[in-house]
């Protein structure tokens, strides 16, 4: 079994996946709604900042957590933003599962770093 051939097959499967297709459709719709796009961009950026801070062992920023919750509430009121975020989360879950599957044999041999 050639790893590179498998990687290319995986890339093709991801491109053809329902999750990526739905994400692309939602992204195209979101691009036409500047307000919704800004909300989504702000939410994703702030979510990543909060997650990075957690991973670095930093204390939770209550103000950021509250702002994140406010943004989420606003997103849930906007159909385009909500549709995009749902598609984004489903795609992220799929990619997390794929990554876990790929990393399992490597972790067994190398260990977690």
N, C-alpha and C. Protein backbone atom coordinates (compact mmCIF):
# COMPACT_ATOMS: atom_id res chain seq x y z
N UNK A 1 0.85 -1.18 0.00
CA UNK A 1 0.00 0.00 0.00
C UNK A 1 0.90 1.24 0.00
N UNK A 2 0.71 2.10 -0.97
CA UNK A 2 1.49 3.33 -1.08
C UNK A 2 0.79 4.45 -0.31
N UNK A 3 1.48 5.01 0.66
CA UNK A 3 0.92 6.06 1.51
C UNK A 3 0.51 7.28 0.68
N UNK A 4 1.30 7.62 -0.32
CA UNK A 4 1.00 8.79 -1.13
C UNK A 4 -0.28 8.58 -1.95
N UNK A 5 -0.47 7.38 -2.46
CA UNK A 5 -1.71 7.08 -3.18
C UNK A 5 -2.91 7.19 -2.25
N UNK A 6 -2.75 6.69 -1.04
CA UNK A 6 -3.83 6.78 -0.06
C UNK A 6 -4.13 8.23 0.31
N UNK A 7 -3.08 9.03 0.44
CA UNK A 7 -3.26 10.45 0.77
C UNK A 7 -4.02 11.15 -0.35
N UNK A 8 -3.68 10.82 -1.59
CA UNK A 8 -4.39 11.42 -2.71
C UNK A 8 -5.86 10.96 -2.75
N UNK A 9 -6.10 9.70 -2.42
CA UNK A 9 -7.48 9.20 -2.35
C UNK A 9 -8.25 9.89 -1.24
N UNK A 10 -7.59 10.09 -0.11
CA UNK A 10 -8.22 10.79 1.01
C UNK A 10 -8.57 12.22 0.61
N UNK A 11 -7.64 12.90 -0.04
CA UNK A 11 -7.90 14.28 -0.49
C UNK A 11 -9.10 14.32 -1.43
N UNK A 12 -9.18 13.35 -2.33
CA UNK A 12 -10.31 13.28 -3.26
C UNK A 12 -11.61 13.03 -2.50
N UNK A 13 -11.57 12.12 -1.54
CA UNK A 13 -12.76 11.81 -0.74
C UNK A 13 -13.22 13.04 0.05
N UNK A 14 -12.29 13.80 0.59
CA UNK A 14 -12.64 15.02 1.32
C UNK A 14 -13.28 16.03 0.37
N UNK A 15 -12.67 16.22 -0.80
CA UNK A 15 -13.23 17.16 -1.79
C UNK A 15 -14.65 16.77 -2.18
N UNK A 16 -14.92 15.48 -2.24
CA UNK A 16 -16.23 14.99 -2.67
C UNK A 16 -17.21 14.79 -1.50
N UNK A 17 -16.73 15.02 -0.29
CA UNK A 17 -17.57 14.76 0.88
C UNK A 17 -18.75 15.73 0.95
N UNK A 18 -19.83 15.21 1.48
CA UNK A 18 -21.03 16.04 1.69
C UNK A 18 -20.70 17.21 2.63
N UNK A 19 -19.87 16.95 3.63
CA UNK A 19 -19.53 17.99 4.59
C UNK A 19 -18.84 19.18 3.92
N UNK A 20 -17.88 18.90 3.05
CA UNK A 20 -17.18 20.00 2.37
C UNK A 20 -18.09 20.68 1.36
N UNK A 21 -18.92 19.92 0.68
CA UNK A 21 -19.85 20.51 -0.28
C UNK A 21 -20.84 21.44 0.41
N UNK A 22 -21.38 21.01 1.55
CA UNK A 22 -22.31 21.84 2.31
C UNK A 22 -21.59 23.09 2.85
N UNK A 23 -20.35 22.94 3.28
CA UNK A 23 -19.59 24.07 3.77
C UNK A 23 -19.36 25.08 2.65
N UNK A 24 -19.03 24.61 1.45
CA UNK A 24 -18.82 25.51 0.31
C UNK A 24 -20.11 26.24 -0.05
N UNK A 25 -21.22 25.52 -0.05
CA UNK A 25 -22.51 26.16 -0.34
C UNK A 25 -22.82 27.24 0.69
N UNK A 26 -22.62 26.92 1.96
CA UNK A 26 -22.89 27.88 3.02
C UNK A 26 -21.94 29.08 2.93
N UNK A 27 -20.69 28.82 2.55
CA UNK A 27 -19.71 29.91 2.40
C UNK A 27 -20.12 30.84 1.27
N UNK A 28 -20.59 30.28 0.17
CA UNK A 28 -21.03 31.10 -0.97
C UNK A 28 -22.21 31.99 -0.58
N UNK A 29 -23.15 31.44 0.17
CA UNK A 29 -24.30 32.23 0.63
C UNK A 29 -23.85 33.29 1.62
N UNK A 30 -22.96 32.91 2.53
CA UNK A 30 -22.47 33.84 3.54
C UNK A 30 -21.72 35.01 2.91
N UNK A 31 -21.01 34.76 1.83
CA UNK A 31 -20.24 35.81 1.16
C UNK A 31 -21.13 36.94 0.65
N UNK A 32 -22.41 36.65 0.44
CA UNK A 32 -23.35 37.66 -0.06
C UNK A 32 -23.98 38.48 1.06
N UNK A 33 -23.67 38.14 2.30
CA UNK A 33 -24.25 38.81 3.46
C UNK A 33 -23.10 39.32 4.34
N UNK A 34 -22.69 40.56 4.09
CA UNK A 34 -21.51 41.13 4.76
C UNK A 34 -21.63 41.13 6.28
N UNK A 35 -22.80 41.46 6.79
CA UNK A 35 -22.98 41.50 8.25
C UNK A 35 -22.82 40.11 8.87
N UNK A 36 -23.45 39.13 8.24
CA UNK A 36 -23.35 37.76 8.75
C UNK A 36 -21.92 37.25 8.64
N UNK A 37 -21.25 37.57 7.54
CA UNK A 37 -19.86 37.13 7.36
C UNK A 37 -18.97 37.72 8.44
N UNK A 38 -19.15 38.99 8.75
CA UNK A 38 -18.34 39.63 9.80
C UNK A 38 -18.59 38.97 11.16
N UNK A 39 -19.85 38.67 11.45
CA UNK A 39 -20.17 38.00 12.72
C UNK A 39 -19.48 36.64 12.80
N UNK A 40 -19.56 35.89 11.72
CA UNK A 40 -18.95 34.56 11.69
C UNK A 40 -17.44 34.68 11.84
N UNK A 41 -16.83 35.59 11.09
CA UNK A 41 -15.37 35.78 11.18
C UNK A 41 -14.95 36.17 12.59
N UNK A 42 -15.69 37.09 13.20
CA UNK A 42 -15.39 37.51 14.58
C UNK A 42 -15.54 36.36 15.55
N UNK A 43 -16.60 35.58 15.38
CA UNK A 43 -16.84 34.45 16.28
C UNK A 43 -15.74 33.41 16.17
N UNK A 44 -15.38 33.06 14.95
CA UNK A 44 -14.34 32.04 14.75
C UNK A 44 -13.00 32.53 15.30
N UNK A 45 -12.67 33.78 15.04
CA UNK A 45 -11.40 34.34 15.53
C UNK A 45 -11.36 34.32 17.06
N UNK A 46 -12.44 34.77 17.68
CA UNK A 46 -12.47 34.81 19.14
C UNK A 46 -12.47 33.41 19.72
N UNK A 47 -13.18 32.47 19.09
CA UNK A 47 -13.19 31.08 19.56
C UNK A 47 -11.79 30.50 19.53
N UNK A 48 -11.06 30.77 18.47
CA UNK A 48 -9.68 30.27 18.36
C UNK A 48 -8.78 30.90 19.43
N UNK A 49 -8.96 32.18 19.70
CA UNK A 49 -8.17 32.83 20.74
C UNK A 49 -8.43 32.20 22.10
N UNK A 50 -9.70 31.95 22.41
CA UNK A 50 -10.07 31.34 23.68
C UNK A 50 -9.50 29.92 23.78
N UNK A 51 -9.58 29.17 22.69
CA UNK A 51 -9.07 27.79 22.68
C UNK A 51 -7.55 27.77 22.85
N UNK A 52 -6.85 28.66 22.18
CA UNK A 52 -5.39 28.74 22.32
C UNK A 52 -5.01 29.09 23.75
N UNK A 53 -5.72 30.03 24.34
CA UNK A 53 -5.44 30.41 25.73
C UNK A 53 -5.65 29.22 26.67
N UNK A 54 -6.71 28.43 26.42
CA UNK A 54 -6.96 27.24 27.23
C UNK A 54 -5.81 26.25 27.11
N UNK A 55 -5.38 26.01 25.86
CA UNK A 55 -4.31 25.05 25.62
C UNK A 55 -3.00 25.51 26.25
N UNK A 56 -2.81 26.79 26.38
CA UNK A 56 -1.60 27.33 26.98
C UNK A 56 -1.72 27.42 28.50
N UNK A 57 -2.86 26.99 29.03
CA UNK A 57 -3.06 26.97 30.47
C UNK A 57 -3.36 28.34 31.08
N UNK A 58 -3.74 29.28 30.24
CA UNK A 58 -4.06 30.61 30.73
C UNK A 58 -5.43 30.61 31.40
N UNK A 59 -5.59 31.54 32.32
CA UNK A 59 -6.85 31.68 33.02
C UNK A 59 -7.93 32.15 32.05
N UNK A 60 -9.15 31.65 32.25
CA UNK A 60 -10.27 32.02 31.37
C UNK A 60 -10.55 33.52 31.47
N UNK A 61 -10.67 34.16 30.32
CA UNK A 61 -11.02 35.58 30.25
C UNK A 61 -12.55 35.67 30.22
N UNK A 62 -13.12 36.10 31.33
CA UNK A 62 -14.57 36.14 31.48
C UNK A 62 -15.19 37.10 30.46
N UNK A 63 -14.55 38.22 30.22
CA UNK A 63 -15.08 39.18 29.24
C UNK A 63 -15.13 38.56 27.84
N UNK A 64 -14.08 37.85 27.47
CA UNK A 64 -14.07 37.20 26.16
C UNK A 64 -15.13 36.10 26.09
N UNK A 65 -15.27 35.35 27.16
CA UNK A 65 -16.29 34.30 27.20
C UNK A 65 -17.69 34.90 27.02
N UNK A 66 -17.94 36.02 27.70
CA UNK A 66 -19.24 36.68 27.58
C UNK A 66 -19.45 37.22 26.17
N UNK A 67 -18.43 37.82 25.59
CA UNK A 67 -18.51 38.35 24.23
C UNK A 67 -18.75 37.20 23.24
N UNK A 68 -18.09 36.10 23.46
CA UNK A 68 -18.26 34.92 22.61
C UNK A 68 -19.71 34.42 22.69
N UNK A 69 -20.26 34.39 23.88
CA UNK A 69 -21.64 33.97 24.05
C UNK A 69 -22.60 34.93 23.35
N UNK A 70 -22.32 36.24 23.45
CA UNK A 70 -23.15 37.24 22.77
C UNK A 70 -23.10 37.04 21.26
N UNK A 71 -21.89 36.83 20.74
CA UNK A 71 -21.73 36.60 19.30
C UNK A 71 -22.49 35.35 18.87
N UNK A 72 -22.40 34.30 19.66
CA UNK A 72 -23.10 33.06 19.34
C UNK A 72 -24.61 33.29 19.30
N UNK A 73 -25.12 34.06 20.24
CA UNK A 73 -26.55 34.36 20.27
C UNK A 73 -26.94 35.13 19.00
N UNK A 74 -26.13 36.11 18.62
CA UNK A 74 -26.42 36.87 17.39
C UNK A 74 -26.36 35.96 16.16
N UNK A 75 -25.36 35.09 16.12
CA UNK A 75 -25.22 34.16 15.00
C UNK A 75 -26.46 33.29 14.86
N UNK A 76 -26.98 32.84 15.99
CA UNK A 76 -28.12 31.93 15.95
C UNK A 76 -29.38 32.62 15.44
N UNK A 77 -29.39 33.95 15.44
CA UNK A 77 -30.55 34.70 14.95
C UNK A 77 -30.45 34.98 13.46
N UNK A 78 -29.29 34.73 12.88
CA UNK A 78 -29.08 35.00 11.45
C UNK A 78 -28.98 33.66 10.72
N UNK A 79 -29.92 33.40 9.84
CA UNK A 79 -30.00 32.10 9.18
C UNK A 79 -28.74 31.78 8.37
N UNK A 80 -28.20 32.75 7.63
CA UNK A 80 -27.00 32.51 6.82
C UNK A 80 -25.80 32.16 7.71
N UNK A 81 -25.65 32.92 8.80
CA UNK A 81 -24.54 32.68 9.72
C UNK A 81 -24.70 31.33 10.43
N UNK A 82 -25.91 31.03 10.84
CA UNK A 82 -26.17 29.77 11.54
C UNK A 82 -25.92 28.58 10.61
N UNK A 83 -26.38 28.69 9.37
CA UNK A 83 -26.17 27.62 8.40
C UNK A 83 -24.67 27.39 8.17
N UNK A 84 -23.93 28.47 8.03
CA UNK A 84 -22.48 28.35 7.82
C UNK A 84 -21.82 27.70 9.03
N UNK A 85 -22.15 28.18 10.23
CA UNK A 85 -21.51 27.65 11.43
C UNK A 85 -21.83 26.16 11.62
N UNK A 86 -23.06 25.76 11.32
CA UNK A 86 -23.40 24.33 11.43
C UNK A 86 -22.58 23.50 10.45
N UNK A 87 -22.46 23.99 9.21
CA UNK A 87 -21.67 23.28 8.20
C UNK A 87 -20.20 23.27 8.60
N UNK A 88 -19.71 24.38 9.13
CA UNK A 88 -18.31 24.49 9.57
C UNK A 88 -18.02 23.50 10.68
N UNK A 89 -18.93 23.41 11.65
CA UNK A 89 -18.72 22.49 12.77
C UNK A 89 -18.76 21.03 12.33
N UNK A 90 -19.68 20.71 11.42
CA UNK A 90 -19.74 19.33 10.92
C UNK A 90 -18.46 18.97 10.16
N UNK A 91 -17.95 19.92 9.37
CA UNK A 91 -16.71 19.67 8.64
C UNK A 91 -15.54 19.52 9.61
N UNK A 92 -15.48 20.37 10.62
CA UNK A 92 -14.42 20.29 11.63
C UNK A 92 -14.46 18.95 12.36
N UNK A 93 -15.66 18.47 12.68
CA UNK A 93 -15.79 17.18 13.35
C UNK A 93 -15.28 16.06 12.46
N UNK A 94 -15.65 16.10 11.18
CA UNK A 94 -15.18 15.08 10.25
C UNK A 94 -13.66 15.10 10.17
N UNK A 95 -13.08 16.28 10.04
CA UNK A 95 -11.63 16.38 9.92
C UNK A 95 -10.94 15.94 11.21
N UNK A 96 -11.55 16.22 12.35
CA UNK A 96 -11.00 15.75 13.62
C UNK A 96 -10.99 14.23 13.69
N UNK A 97 -12.07 13.61 13.22
CA UNK A 97 -12.14 12.15 13.20
C UNK A 97 -11.08 11.56 12.26
N UNK A 98 -10.92 12.19 11.09
CA UNK A 98 -9.92 11.73 10.12
C UNK A 98 -8.52 11.86 10.73
N UNK A 99 -8.26 13.00 11.35
CA UNK A 99 -6.95 13.22 11.96
C UNK A 99 -6.67 12.21 13.07
N UNK A 100 -7.68 11.93 13.88
CA UNK A 100 -7.53 10.95 14.96
C UNK A 100 -7.19 9.58 14.38
N UNK A 101 -7.87 9.20 13.31
CA UNK A 101 -7.62 7.92 12.66
C UNK A 101 -6.20 7.84 12.12
N UNK A 102 -5.75 8.92 11.50
CA UNK A 102 -4.41 8.94 10.92
C UNK A 102 -3.34 8.93 12.01
N UNK A 103 -3.59 9.64 13.09
CA UNK A 103 -2.58 9.78 14.14
C UNK A 103 -2.47 8.55 15.05
N UNK A 104 -3.50 7.72 15.10
CA UNK A 104 -3.51 6.58 16.02
C UNK A 104 -2.30 5.67 15.85
N UNK A 105 -1.96 5.21 14.66
CA UNK A 105 -0.79 4.33 14.56
C UNK A 105 0.53 5.05 14.83
N UNK A 106 0.55 6.32 14.53
CA UNK A 106 1.78 7.10 14.78
C UNK A 106 1.96 7.27 16.29
N UNK A 107 0.89 7.59 16.98
CA UNK A 107 0.95 7.79 18.43
C UNK A 107 1.37 6.49 19.12
N UNK A 108 0.88 5.36 18.62
CA UNK A 108 1.25 4.07 19.21
C UNK A 108 2.76 3.85 19.14
N UNK A 109 3.38 4.26 18.04
CA UNK A 109 4.81 4.03 17.85
C UNK A 109 5.65 5.12 18.50
N UNK A 110 5.29 6.36 18.26
CA UNK A 110 6.10 7.48 18.70
C UNK A 110 5.71 7.96 20.10
N UNK A 111 4.46 7.80 20.44
CA UNK A 111 3.96 8.33 21.70
C UNK A 111 3.51 9.76 21.49
N UNK A 112 2.79 10.26 22.46
CA UNK A 112 2.32 11.64 22.36
C UNK A 112 3.47 12.56 22.74
N UNK A 113 3.61 13.59 21.95
CA UNK A 113 4.70 14.54 22.20
C UNK A 113 4.21 15.75 22.93
